Amino acid sequence: MSDTHRILHMASFSRSGETVLLRCLDAHPQIHVVHQIREPDRECDLELFRFLMKYEPIEINSDHPLIKKCGIPTGATIILKNAVWKHEYPFNGFILCRNPFAVIQSFKLKDESPEKDEKRKSQIIRWARNIDARIMHAIPETDHLEMICMLYNLKMHPLTKSNMPILRYEDFVRNPEATLRELLRKLNIAWSSTVLNSHTLYHQDSYGHGRIKLWQPIHNDSLDTWRKNLSKGTIARIYGLTSQVMQEYGYNFRDEQVFLENSNDNLIAP
């Protein structure tokens, strides 16, 4: 049995459906998701997360104190959510993406009170510092929507050069089994049907990050809510700011709708 654990990153941008996907993967008997499913996180997972954020190797010994503290099964693959920061070393894993209209809509920027607006500014400052500190000086002169679009571009564009498999949230919720089967195959992890039934592991009223209802099965109810919740002007702004990155991930925007290239594929390149 292996005395090391592979470390894989799920590279994404916040509000891309990470919690639902991580919930599925964490149900696999040979996968340990470090954090960002339950709210609040276990302290041991937060410790391991903070450690791995600065960790260069792509494996870690099973006798490491933080591994033991988290009770990670022997030989299990560790998956680290890499959403609003950039790892300074080469890493393995996969990319999770979602169309930017849905990402921006999930922030509900138009409904924010002055208190929430200030909290959002602090969040953006933290994300900018960890993704690309060179844009920090733009924050006082830029509204939240534009800053989030800028951060989306800065995080997601470089990942297209990584040669990692790309999983689109839209493909995942429309065809969970086929998408998860292909993802696990790409990651060299044996299939387990437990990933499809991860919601059964949580009691009703168990909430995850982003107030996700962890007891609910995978669904695609929220795929097009951005169309009714965003004004045409806001949609046009998001398109103007993110169109290049959208196209890199196979999202085409026309007639106020998003169409997916290679929509019959479970994962897109490579």
C-alpha atoms as a PDB file:
ATOM      1  CA  MET A   1       0.000   0.000   0.000  1.00  0.00           C
ATOM      2  CA  SER A   2       1.196   3.492  -0.830  1.00  0.00           C
ATOM      3  CA  ASP A   3       2.934   5.474   1.895  1.00  0.00           C
ATOM      4  CA  THR A   4       2.385   8.735   0.002  1.00  0.00           C
ATOM      5  CA  HIS A   5      -0.613  10.708  -1.163  1.00  0.00           C
ATOM      6  CA  ARG A   6      -0.940  12.405  -4.535  1.00  0.00           C
ATOM      7  CA  ILE A   7      -1.907  16.064  -4.321  1.00  0.00           C
ATOM      8  CA  LEU A   8      -4.258  17.260  -7.053  1.00  0.00           C
ATOM      9  CA  HIS A   9      -5.555  20.804  -7.421  1.00  0.00           C
ATOM     10  CA  MET A  10      -9.044  21.686  -8.536  1.00  0.00           C
ATOM     11  CA  ALA A  11      -8.191  24.980 -10.249  1.00  0.00           C
ATOM     12  CA  SER A  12     -11.223  27.233 -10.624  1.00  0.00           C
ATOM     13  CA  PHE A  13     -12.687  30.624  -9.804  1.00  0.00           C
ATOM     14  CA  SER A  14     -15.066  31.260  -6.924  1.00  0.00           C
ATOM     15  CA  ARG A  15     -18.789  30.577  -7.508  1.00  0.00           C
ATOM     16  CA  SER A  16     -18.127  28.015 -10.218  1.00  0.00           C
ATOM     17  CA  GLY A  17     -19.958  25.168  -8.502  1.00  0.00           C
ATOM     18  CA  GLU A  18     -16.959  23.964  -6.515  1.00  0.00           C
ATOM     19  CA  THR A  19     -18.841  22.840  -3.415  1.00  0.00           C
ATOM     20  CA  VAL A  20     -21.194  20.481  -5.278  1.00  0.00           C
ATOM     21  CA  LEU A  21     -18.358  18.897  -7.258  1.00  0.00           C
ATOM     22  CA  LEU A  22     -16.106  18.586  -4.215  1.00  0.00           C
ATOM     23  CA  ARG A  23     -18.954  17.003  -2.264  1.00  0.00           C
ATOM     24  CA  CYS A  24     -19.197  14.321  -4.974  1.00  0.00           C
ATOM     25  CA  LEU A  25     -15.467  13.668  -5.078  1.00  0.00           C
ATOM     26  CA  ASP A  26     -15.113  13.596  -1.297  1.00  0.00           C
ATOM     27  CA  ALA A  27     -17.622  10.733  -1.172  1.00  0.00           C
ATOM     28  CA  HIS A  28     -15.154   8.536  -3.068  1.00  0.00           C
ATOM     29  CA  PRO A  29     -13.424   6.149  -0.631  1.00  0.00           C
ATOM     30  CA  GLN A  30      -9.993   6.954  -2.078  1.00  0.00           C
ATOM     31  CA  ILE A  31     -10.314  10.744  -2.253  1.00  0.00           C
ATOM     32  CA  HIS A  32      -9.905  13.281   0.525  1.00  0.00           C
ATOM     33  CA  VAL A  33     -11.024  16.837  -0.241  1.00  0.00           C
ATOM     34  CA  VAL A  34      -9.045  19.121   2.029  1.00  0.00           C
ATOM     35  CA  HIS A  35     -11.735  21.700   2.844  1.00  0.00           C
ATOM     36  CA  GLN A  36     -14.504  23.934   1.501  1.00  0.00           C
ATOM     37  CA  ILE A  37     -17.460  21.576   1.691  1.00  0.00           C
ATOM     38  CA  ARG A  38     -18.972  21.828   5.150  1.00  0.00           C
ATOM     39  CA  GLU A  39     -19.477  25.150   6.868  1.00  0.00           C
ATOM     40  CA  PRO A  40     -17.539  25.627   9.055  1.00  0.00           C
ATOM     41  CA  ASP A  41     -14.465  23.678   7.996  1.00  0.00           C
ATOM     42  CA  ARG A  42     -12.689  21.350  10.391  1.00  0.00           C
ATOM     43  CA  GLU A  43      -9.682  23.073  11.913  1.00  0.00           C
ATOM     44  CA  CYS A  44      -7.390  20.209  10.857  1.00  0.00           C
ATOM     45  CA  ASP A  45      -8.457  20.656   7.234  1.00  0.00           C
ATOM     46  CA  LEU A  46      -7.820  24.381   7.414  1.00  0.00           C
ATOM     47  CA  GLU A  47      -4.344  23.711   8.795  1.00  0.00           C
ATOM     48  CA  LEU A  48      -3.622  21.251   5.981  1.00  0.00           C
ATOM     49  CA  PHE A  49      -5.009  23.673   3.395  1.00  0.00           C
ATOM     50  CA  ARG A  50      -2.825  26.540   4.576  1.00  0.00           C
ATOM     51  CA  PHE A  51       0.193  24.236   4.537  1.00  0.00           C
ATOM     52  CA  LEU A  52      -0.456  22.879   1.024  1.00  0.00           C
ATOM     53  CA  MET A  53      -0.995  26.371  -0.396  1.00  0.00           C
ATOM     54  CA  LYS A  54       2.777  26.890   0.020  1.00  0.00           C
ATOM     55  CA  TYR A  55       3.837  23.280  -0.589  1.00  0.00           C
ATOM     56  CA  GLU A  56       5.985  22.508  -3.643  1.00  0.00           C
ATOM     57  CA  PRO A  57       5.953  18.672  -3.990  1.00  0.00           C
ATOM     58  CA  ILE A  58       3.068  16.930  -5.752  1.00  0.00           C
ATOM     59  CA  GLU A  59       2.998  14.151  -3.134  1.00  0.00           C
ATOM     60  CA  ILE A  60       3.072  14.083   0.642  1.00  0.00           C
ATOM     61  CA  ASN A  61       4.075  11.299   3.014  1.00  0.00           C
ATOM     62  CA  SER A  62       1.306   9.514   4.888  1.00  0.00           C
ATOM     63  CA  ASP A  63       3.190   9.932   8.167  1.00  0.00           C
ATOM     64  CA  HIS A  64       3.126  13.725   7.943  1.00  0.00           C
ATOM     65  CA  PRO A  65       1.551  15.072  11.174  1.00  0.00           C
ATOM     66  CA  LEU A  66      -1.147  17.037   9.308  1.00  0.00           C
ATOM     67  CA  ILE A  67      -2.101  13.988   7.241  1.00  0.00           C
ATOM     68  CA  LYS A  68      -2.453  11.906  10.394  1.00  0.00           C
ATOM     69  CA  LYS A  69      -4.395  14.653  12.130  1.00  0.00           C
ATOM     70  CA  CYS A  70      -6.972  14.710   9.316  1.00  0.00           C
ATOM     71  CA  GLY A  71      -7.304  10.920   9.307  1.00  0.00           C
ATOM     72  CA  ILE A  72      -6.741  10.591   5.559  1.00  0.00           C
ATOM     73  CA  PRO A  73      -7.089   6.962   4.358  1.00  0.00           C
ATOM     74  CA  THR A  74      -3.919   5.171   3.264  1.00  0.00           C
ATOM     75  CA  GLY A  75      -3.076   5.926  -0.346  1.00  0.00           C
ATOM     76  CA  ALA A  76      -5.987   8.318  -0.853  1.00  0.00           C
ATOM     77  CA  THR A  77      -5.649  11.122  -3.381  1.00  0.00           C
ATOM     78  CA  ILE A  78      -5.809  14.587  -1.848  1.00  0.00           C
ATOM     79  CA  ILE A  79      -7.779  17.230  -3.727  1.00  0.00           C
ATOM     80  CA  LEU A  80      -7.102  20.875  -2.930  1.00  0.00           C
ATOM     81  CA  LYS A  81      -9.484  23.650  -3.949  1.00  0.00           C
ATOM     82  CA  ASN A  82      -7.444  26.295  -5.767  1.00  0.00           C
ATOM     83  CA  ALA A  83      -9.975  29.033  -6.545  1.00  0.00           C
ATOM     84  CA  VAL A  84      -8.977  32.518  -5.403  1.00  0.00           C
ATOM     85  CA  TRP A  85      -5.217  32.167  -5.186  1.00  0.00           C
ATOM     86  CA  LYS A  86      -2.404  31.050  -7.476  1.00  0.00           C
ATOM     87  CA  HIS A  87      -0.036  28.257  -6.564  1.00  0.00           C
ATOM     88  CA  GLU A  88       3.569  29.334  -7.058  1.00  0.00           C
ATOM     89  CA  TYR A  89       4.754  25.849  -8.094  1.00  0.00           C
ATOM     90  CA  PRO A  90       3.757  23.475 -10.921  1.00  0.00           C
ATOM     91  CA  PHE A  91       0.838  21.261  -9.904  1.00  0.00           C
ATOM     92  CA  ASN A  92      -1.345  18.444 -11.203  1.00  0.00           C
ATOM     93  CA  GLY A  93      -5.123  18.215 -11.216  1.00  0.00           C
ATOM     94  CA  PHE A  94      -8.000  19.535 -13.283  1.00  0.00           C
ATOM     95  CA  ILE A  95      -9.816  22.761 -14.111  1.00  0.00           C
ATOM     96  CA  LEU A  96     -13.409  23.553 -13.190  1.00  0.00           C
ATOM     97  CA  CYS A  97     -14.965  26.415 -15.127  1.00  0.00           C
ATOM     98  CA  ARG A  98     -18.370  28.072 -15.355  1.00  0.00           C
ATOM     99  CA  ASN A  99     -19.647  30.761 -17.671  1.00  0.00           C
ATOM    100  CA  PRO A 100     -18.945  34.212 -16.204  1.00  0.00           C
ATOM    101  CA  PHE A 101     -22.567  35.389 -16.405  1.00  0.00           C
ATOM    102  CA  ALA A 102     -23.562  32.695 -13.908  1.00  0.00           C
ATOM    103  CA  VAL A 103     -20.488  33.404 -11.790  1.00  0.00           C
ATOM    104  CA  ILE A 104     -21.254  37.134 -11.522  1.00  0.00           C
ATOM    105  CA  GLN A 105     -24.969  36.532 -10.955  1.00  0.00           C
ATOM    106  CA  SER A 106     -24.212  34.335  -7.957  1.00  0.00           C
ATOM    107  CA  PHE A 107     -22.553  37.260  -6.167  1.00  0.00           C
ATOM    108  CA  LYS A 108     -25.875  39.197  -6.156  1.00  0.00           C
ATOM    109  CA  LEU A 109     -24.012  42.485  -6.337  1.00  0.00           C
ATOM    110  CA  LYS A 110     -27.081  44.641  -6.953  1.00  0.00           C
ATOM    111  CA  ASP A 111     -28.658  43.499  -3.682  1.00  0.00           C
ATOM    112  CA  GLU A 112     -25.752  44.343  -1.406  1.00  0.00           C
ATOM    113  CA  SER A 113     -26.253  46.695   1.538  1.00  0.00           C
ATOM    114  CA  PRO A 114     -23.494  49.185   2.438  1.00  0.00           C
ATOM    115  CA  GLU A 115     -22.266  46.714   5.059  1.00  0.00           C
ATOM    116  CA  LYS A 116     -22.178  43.842   2.566  1.00  0.00           C
ATOM    117  CA  ASP A 117     -20.601  46.114  -0.013  1.00  0.00           C
ATOM    118  CA  GLU A 118     -17.716  46.857   2.340  1.00  0.00           C
ATOM    119  CA  LYS A 119     -17.343  43.160   3.118  1.00  0.00           C
ATOM    120  CA  ARG A 120     -17.252  42.422  -0.614  1.00  0.00           C
ATOM    121  CA  LYS A 121     -14.508  45.018  -1.076  1.00  0.00           C
ATOM    122  CA  SER A 122     -12.398  43.305   1.593  1.00  0.00           C
ATOM    123  CA  GLN A 123     -12.961  39.978  -0.129  1.00  0.00           C
ATOM    124  CA  ILE A 124     -11.890  41.387  -3.501  1.00  0.00           C
ATOM    125  CA  ILE A 125      -8.761  42.917  -1.942  1.00  0.00           C
ATOM    126  CA  ARG A 126      -7.835  39.519  -0.494  1.00  0.00           C
ATOM    127  CA  TRP A 127      -8.460  37.721  -3.793  1.00  0.00           C
ATOM    128  CA  ALA A 128      -6.535  40.294  -5.812  1.00  0.00           C
ATOM    129  CA  ARG A 129      -3.565  40.031  -3.468  1.00  0.00           C
ATOM    130  CA  ASN A 130      -3.506  36.242  -3.903  1.00  0.00           C
ATOM    131  CA  ILE A 131      -4.266  36.057  -7.639  1.00  0.00           C
ATOM    132  CA  ASP A 132      -2.302  39.000  -9.045  1.00  0.00           C
ATOM    133  CA  ALA A 133      -1.252  41.797  -6.726  1.00  0.00           C
ATOM    134  CA  ARG A 134      -0.428  44.051  -9.681  1.00  0.00           C
ATOM    135  CA  ILE A 135      -4.103  45.057  -9.928  1.00  0.00           C
ATOM    136  CA  MET A 136      -4.410  46.124  -6.296  1.00  0.00           C
ATOM    137  CA  HIS A 137      -4.154  49.827  -7.171  1.00  0.00           C
ATOM    138  CA  ALA A 138      -7.167  49.511  -9.488  1.00  0.00           C
ATOM    139  CA  ILE A 139      -9.538  48.523  -6.674  1.00  0.00           C
ATOM    140  CA  PRO A 140     -10.428  52.063  -5.451  1.00  0.00           C
ATOM    141  CA  GLU A 141     -11.229  53.159  -9.010  1.00  0.00           C
ATOM    142  CA  THR A 142     -13.119  50.068 -10.203  1.00  0.00           C
ATOM    143  CA  ASP A 143     -16.575  48.748  -9.304  1.00  0.00           C
ATOM    144  CA  HIS A 144     -17.053  45.256  -7.920  1.00  0.00           C
ATOM    145  CA  LEU A 145     -18.404  43.744 -11.136  1.00  0.00           C
ATOM    146  CA  GLU A 146     -15.419  44.850 -13.172  1.00  0.00           C
ATOM    147  CA  MET A 147     -12.956  43.731 -10.507  1.00  0.00           C
ATOM    148  CA  ILE A 148     -14.496  40.274 -10.306  1.00  0.00           C
ATOM    149  CA  CYS A 149     -14.380  39.990 -14.103  1.00  0.00           C
ATOM    150  CA  MET A 150     -10.731  41.035 -14.072  1.00  0.00           C
ATOM    151  CA  LEU A 151      -9.924  38.439 -11.429  1.00  0.00           C
ATOM    152  CA  TYR A 152     -11.865  35.781 -13.356  1.00  0.00           C
ATOM    153  CA  ASN A 153      -9.721  36.504 -16.414  1.00  0.00           C
ATOM    154  CA  LEU A 154      -6.456  36.591 -14.491  1.00  0.00           C
ATOM    155  CA  LYS A 155      -7.199  33.276 -12.801  1.00  0.00           C
ATOM    156  CA  MET A 156      -8.803  31.320 -15.632  1.00  0.00           C
ATOM    157  CA  HIS A 157      -6.819  32.435 -18.700  1.00  0.00           C
ATOM    158  CA  PRO A 158      -3.384  31.062 -17.642  1.00  0.00           C
ATOM    159  CA  LEU A 159      -4.952  27.710 -16.767  1.00  0.00           C
ATOM    160  CA  THR A 160      -5.804  27.059 -20.419  1.00  0.00           C
ATOM    161  CA  LYS A 161      -2.068  26.611 -21.020  1.00  0.00           C
ATOM    162  CA  SER A 162      -1.721  23.993 -18.268  1.00  0.00           C
ATOM    163  CA  ASN A 163      -2.690  20.899 -20.292  1.00  0.00           C
ATOM    164  CA  MET A 164      -4.986  19.768 -17.466  1.00  0.00           C
ATOM    165  CA  PRO A 165      -8.446  18.307 -18.207  1.00  0.00           C
ATOM    166  CA  ILE A 166     -11.234  20.885 -18.154  1.00  0.00           C
ATOM    167  CA  LEU A 167     -14.612  20.184 -16.586  1.00  0.00           C
ATOM    168  CA  ARG A 168     -17.358  22.684 -17.306  1.00  0.00           C
ATOM    169  CA  TYR A 169     -19.951  23.052 -14.565  1.00  0.00           C
ATOM    170  CA  GLU A 170     -22.716  23.100 -17.162  1.00  0.00           C
ATOM    171  CA  ASP A 171     -21.690  19.713 -18.576  1.00  0.00           C
ATOM    172  CA  PHE A 172     -21.363  18.307 -15.071  1.00  0.00           C
ATOM    173  CA  VAL A 173     -24.877  19.141 -13.848  1.00  0.00           C
ATOM    174  CA  ARG A 174     -26.479  18.069 -17.120  1.00  0.00           C
ATOM    175  CA  ASN A 175     -24.773  14.685 -17.187  1.00  0.00           C
ATOM    176  CA  PRO A 176     -23.192  13.978 -13.783  1.00  0.00           C
ATOM    177  CA  GLU A 177     -22.355  10.305 -14.205  1.00  0.00           C
ATOM    178  CA  ALA A 178     -20.655  10.555 -17.581  1.00  0.00           C
ATOM    179  CA  THR A 179     -18.721  13.660 -16.515  1.00  0.00           C
ATOM    180  CA  LEU A 180     -17.576  12.178 -13.203  1.00  0.00           C
ATOM    181  CA  ARG A 181     -16.616   8.886 -14.848  1.00  0.00           C
ATOM    182  CA  GLU A 182     -14.444  10.699 -17.368  1.00  0.00           C
ATOM    183  CA  LEU A 183     -12.893  12.971 -14.733  1.00  0.00           C
ATOM    184  CA  LEU A 184     -11.929  10.048 -12.513  1.00  0.00           C
ATOM    185  CA  ARG A 185     -10.528   8.201 -15.515  1.00  0.00           C
ATOM    186  CA  LYS A 186      -8.391  11.213 -16.413  1.00  0.00           C
ATOM    187  CA  LEU A 187      -7.178  11.430 -12.812  1.00  0.00           C
ATOM    188  CA  ASN A 188      -6.360   7.689 -12.729  1.00  0.00           C
ATOM    189  CA  ILE A 189      -8.838   7.027  -9.938  1.00  0.00           C
ATOM    190  CA  ALA A 190     -11.120   3.983 -10.087  1.00  0.00           C
ATOM    191  CA  TRP A 191     -14.830   4.596 -10.544  1.00  0.00           C
ATOM    192  CA  SER A 192     -17.072   4.489  -7.469  1.00  0.00           C
ATOM    193  CA  SER A 193     -20.832   5.033  -7.614  1.00  0.00           C
ATOM    194  CA  THR A 194     -20.631   6.756  -4.221  1.00  0.00           C
ATOM    195  CA  VAL A 195     -19.776   9.999  -6.026  1.00  0.00           C
ATOM    196  CA  LEU A 196     -23.289  10.072  -7.501  1.00  0.00           C
ATOM    197  CA  ASN A 197     -24.967   9.616  -4.121  1.00  0.00           C
ATOM    198  CA  SER A 198     -22.889  12.019  -2.060  1.00  0.00           C
ATOM    199  CA  HIS A 199     -25.980  13.985  -1.034  1.00  0.00           C
ATOM    200  CA  THR A 200     -27.218  10.980   0.978  1.00  0.00           C
ATOM    201  CA  LEU A 201     -24.276  11.374   3.357  1.00  0.00           C
ATOM    202  CA  TYR A 202     -25.647  14.672   4.719  1.00  0.00           C
ATOM    203  CA  HIS A 203     -28.596  15.332   6.990  1.00  0.00           C
ATOM    204  CA  GLN A 204     -31.297  17.715   5.852  1.00  0.00           C
ATOM    205  CA  ASP A 205     -30.446  21.310   6.711  1.00  0.00           C
ATOM    206  CA  SER A 206     -26.695  20.591   6.350  1.00  0.00           C
ATOM    207  CA  TYR A 207     -25.305  23.597   4.514  1.00  0.00           C
ATOM    208  CA  GLY A 208     -21.970  23.933   2.784  1.00  0.00           C
ATOM    209  CA  HIS A 209     -19.955  26.861   1.509  1.00  0.00           C
ATOM    210  CA  GLY A 210     -22.088  29.375  -0.312  1.00  0.00           C
ATOM    211  CA  ARG A 211     -25.113  28.057   1.601  1.00  0.00           C
ATOM    212  CA  ILE A 212     -25.250  25.036  -0.690  1.00  0.00           C
ATOM    213  CA  LYS A 213     -27.864  22.516   0.466  1.00  0.00           C
ATOM    214  CA  LEU A 214     -25.620  19.487   0.847  1.00  0.00           C
ATOM    215  CA  TRP A 215     -28.517  17.058   1.214  1.00  0.00           C
ATOM    216  CA  GLN A 216     -29.914  17.853  -2.249  1.00  0.00           C
ATOM    217  CA  PRO A 217     -28.930  15.749  -5.298  1.00  0.00           C
ATOM    218  CA  ILE A 218     -27.131  17.290  -8.267  1.00  0.00           C
ATOM    219  CA  HIS A 219     -29.510  19.434 -10.311  1.00  0.00           C
ATOM    220  CA  ASN A 220     -29.330  21.990 -13.112  1.00  0.00           C
ATOM    221  CA  ASP A 221     -32.046  24.370 -11.902  1.00  0.00           C
ATOM    222  CA  SER A 222     -29.690  27.351 -11.698  1.00  0.00           C
ATOM    223  CA  LEU A 223     -28.102  27.057 -15.139  1.00  0.00           C
ATOM    224  CA  ASP A 224     -29.983  29.951 -16.745  1.00  0.00           C
ATOM    225  CA  THR A 225     -31.009  32.073 -13.753  1.00  0.00           C
ATOM    226  CA  TRP A 226     -28.468  34.704 -14.795  1.00  0.00           C
ATOM    227  CA  ARG A 227     -30.635  35.551 -17.806  1.00  0.00           C
ATOM    228  CA  LYS A 228     -33.504  36.794 -15.631  1.00  0.00           C
ATOM    229  CA  ASN A 229     -31.408  38.218 -12.803  1.00  0.00           C
ATOM    230  CA  LEU A 230     -28.947  40.303 -14.830  1.00  0.00           C
ATOM    231  CA  SER A 231     -29.910  43.348 -16.863  1.00  0.00           C
ATOM    232  CA  LYS A 232     -29.016  43.487 -20.556  1.00  0.00           C
ATOM    233  CA  GLY A 233     -26.506  46.208 -19.752  1.00  0.00           C
ATOM    234  CA  THR A 234     -24.826  44.080 -17.094  1.00  0.00           C
ATOM    235  CA  ILE A 235     -24.747  41.071 -19.414  1.00  0.00           C
ATOM    236  CA  ALA A 236     -23.129  43.225 -22.103  1.00  0.00           C
ATOM    237  CA  ARG A 237     -20.496  44.466 -19.632  1.00  0.00           C
ATOM    238  CA  ILE A 238     -19.627  40.953 -18.506  1.00  0.00           C
ATOM    239  CA  TYR A 239     -19.336  39.801 -22.118  1.00  0.00           C
ATOM    240  CA  GLY A 240     -17.122  42.747 -23.009  1.00  0.00           C
ATOM    241  CA  LEU A 241     -14.817  42.061 -20.078  1.00  0.00           C
ATOM    242  CA  THR A 242     -14.575  38.268 -20.307  1.00  0.00           C
ATOM    243  CA  SER A 243     -15.321  37.269 -23.918  1.00  0.00           C
ATOM    244  CA  GLN A 244     -11.803  36.049 -24.719  1.00  0.00           C
ATOM    245  CA  VAL A 245     -11.636  33.738 -21.720  1.00  0.00           C
ATOM    246  CA  MET A 246     -15.202  32.537 -22.359  1.00  0.00           C
ATOM    247  CA  GLN A 247     -14.226  31.465 -25.847  1.00  0.00           C
ATOM    248  CA  GLU A 248     -11.110  29.695 -24.582  1.00  0.00           C
ATOM    249  CA  TYR A 249     -13.357  27.453 -22.501  1.00  0.00           C
ATOM    250  CA  GLY A 250     -15.823  26.821 -25.310  1.00  0.00           C
ATOM    251  CA  TYR A 251     -18.565  29.265 -24.315  1.00  0.00           C
ATOM    252  CA  ASN A 252     -20.222  31.112 -27.202  1.00  0.00           C
ATOM    253  CA  PHE A 253     -22.556  34.023 -26.467  1.00  0.00           C
ATOM    254  CA  ARG A 254     -25.203  34.986 -29.004  1.00  0.00           C
ATOM    255  CA  ASP A 255     -28.863  36.009 -28.922  1.00  0.00           C
ATOM    256  CA  GLU A 256     -28.610  36.558 -25.143  1.00  0.00           C
ATOM    257  CA  GLN A 257     -27.756  32.885 -24.614  1.00  0.00           C
ATOM    258  CA  VAL A 258     -24.625  30.854 -23.903  1.00  0.00           C
ATOM    259  CA  PHE A 259     -23.895  27.878 -26.142  1.00  0.00           C
ATOM    260  CA  LEU A 260     -21.266  25.263 -25.359  1.00  0.00           C
ATOM    261  CA  GLU A 261     -18.851  23.950 -27.946  1.00  0.00           C
ATOM    262  CA  ASN A 262     -18.214  20.192 -27.806  1.00  0.00           C
ATOM    263  CA  SER A 263     -21.297  19.851 -25.610  1.00  0.00           C
ATOM    264  CA  ASN A 264     -21.413  16.117 -26.283  1.00  0.00           C
ATOM    265  CA  ASP A 265     -17.996  15.641 -24.659  1.00  0.00           C
ATOM    266  CA  ASN A 266     -17.869  14.908 -20.938  1.00  0.00           C
ATOM    267  CA  LEU A 267     -14.602  16.794 -20.507  1.00  0.00           C
ATOM    268  CA  ILE A 268     -12.905  19.150 -22.917  1.00  0.00           C
ATOM    269  CA  ALA A 269      -9.206  19.180 -23.810  1.00  0.00           C
ATOM    270  CA  PRO A 270      -6.791  17.682 -23.440  1.00  0.00           C
END
